[in-house]
Amino acid sequence: MVYDPSLDTLLQKVWDGGRISPTEARRLYALPLEELGALADRRRQLLRREAHGGRANEIVTYIVDRNVNYTNVCNVYCKFCAFWRT
């Protein structure tokens, strides 16, 4: 990708956590994946820092994920399931 100085203000706006317009979003869409990923990670860090009154690093969450099977007759053949039979 060739350096485009007109993107500097847009990239700084995103880096600082500012809101962007749909037109600006389309310009970002054309960026290489590595740059777009870095901007997304920066935004995630900013949101996390603001979350839970600034205490996001102190809070741990979890989810209980259960797959309830009502029968052991299945034809899906999931790679993670050791329960099925035909």
Protein backbone atom coordinates (compact mmCIF):
# COMPACT_ATOMS: atom_id res chain seq x y z
CA MET A 1 0.00 0.00 0.00
CA VAL A 2 1.23 3.47 -0.86
CA TYR A 3 1.38 6.00 1.99
CA ASP A 4 -1.59 8.36 1.89
CA PRO A 5 -1.09 11.48 4.06
CA SER A 6 -4.82 12.26 3.91
CA LEU A 7 -5.43 9.21 6.12
CA ASP A 8 -3.32 10.61 8.97
CA THR A 9 -6.15 12.61 10.57
CA LEU A 10 -8.61 9.73 10.17
CA LEU A 11 -6.19 7.24 11.70
CA GLN A 12 -5.48 9.59 14.61
CA LYS A 13 -9.22 10.08 15.14
CA VAL A 14 -9.75 6.32 15.35
CA TRP A 15 -6.64 5.85 17.52
CA ASP A 16 -8.01 8.42 19.99
CA GLY A 17 -11.40 6.67 20.09
CA GLY A 18 -13.37 9.24 18.09
CA ARG A 19 -16.51 8.51 16.09
CA ILE A 20 -16.25 8.18 12.33
CA SER A 21 -18.69 8.69 9.49
CA PRO A 22 -19.78 5.98 7.03
CA THR A 23 -17.53 7.56 4.39
CA GLU A 24 -14.56 7.38 6.74
CA ALA A 25 -15.42 3.77 7.56
CA ARG A 26 -15.28 2.90 3.85
CA ARG A 27 -11.81 4.44 3.68
CA LEU A 28 -10.71 2.31 6.63
CA TYR A 29 -12.15 -0.78 4.95
CA ALA A 30 -9.52 -0.43 2.22
CA LEU A 31 -6.63 -0.58 4.72
CA PRO A 32 -4.45 -3.67 5.05
CA LEU A 33 -5.76 -6.15 7.60
CA GLU A 34 -2.78 -5.65 9.95
CA GLU A 35 -3.43 -1.90 10.25
CA LEU A 36 -7.16 -2.38 10.66
CA GLY A 37 -6.54 -5.01 13.35
CA ALA A 38 -4.22 -2.66 15.25
CA LEU A 39 -6.86 0.09 15.19
CA ALA A 40 -9.57 -2.33 16.36
CA ASP A 41 -7.36 -3.57 19.20
CA ARG A 42 -6.63 0.01 20.27
CA ARG A 43 -10.36 0.76 20.37
CA ARG A 44 -10.94 -2.40 22.41
CA GLN A 45 -8.27 -1.30 24.89
CA LEU A 46 -9.87 2.15 25.24
CA LEU A 47 -13.31 0.65 25.87
CA ARG A 48 -11.94 -1.82 28.38
CA ARG A 49 -10.14 0.95 30.25
CA GLU A 50 -13.44 2.85 30.58
CA ALA A 51 -15.55 -0.21 31.47
CA HIS A 52 -16.80 -0.93 34.98
CA GLY A 53 -15.76 2.45 36.31
CA GLY A 54 -12.13 1.94 35.31
CA ARG A 55 -11.93 -1.39 37.15
CA ALA A 56 -12.20 -3.70 34.13
CA ASN A 57 -8.81 -5.32 34.79
CA GLU A 58 -9.97 -6.37 38.26
CA ILE A 59 -13.14 -8.11 37.08
CA VAL A 60 -13.19 -11.67 35.75
CA THR A 61 -16.23 -13.12 34.02
CA TYR A 62 -17.09 -16.55 32.73
CA ILE A 63 -19.87 -18.37 30.96
CA VAL A 64 -21.21 -21.87 31.48
CA ASP A 65 -21.62 -23.41 28.04
CA ARG A 66 -23.79 -26.49 27.94
CA ASN A 67 -25.11 -28.47 25.03
CA VAL A 68 -28.19 -30.26 26.28
CA ASN A 69 -28.92 -33.33 24.18
CA TYR A 70 -32.38 -34.78 24.64
CA THR A 71 -31.48 -37.93 22.74
CA ASN A 72 -28.30 -39.67 21.73
CA VAL A 73 -29.50 -40.26 18.17
CA CYS A 74 -27.85 -37.63 16.01
CA ASN A 75 -26.73 -37.29 12.41
CA VAL A 76 -24.74 -34.06 12.69
CA TYR A 77 -21.34 -35.65 13.51
CA CYS A 78 -19.94 -32.67 15.38
CA LYS A 79 -16.18 -32.82 15.90
CA PHE A 80 -16.50 -31.90 19.60
CA CYS A 81 -19.26 -34.33 20.53
CA ALA A 82 -18.56 -37.77 21.99
CA PHE A 83 -22.23 -38.40 22.68
CA TRP A 84 -23.84 -39.21 19.33
CA ARG A 85 -24.65 -42.54 17.79
CA THR A 86 -26.59 -43.50 14.68
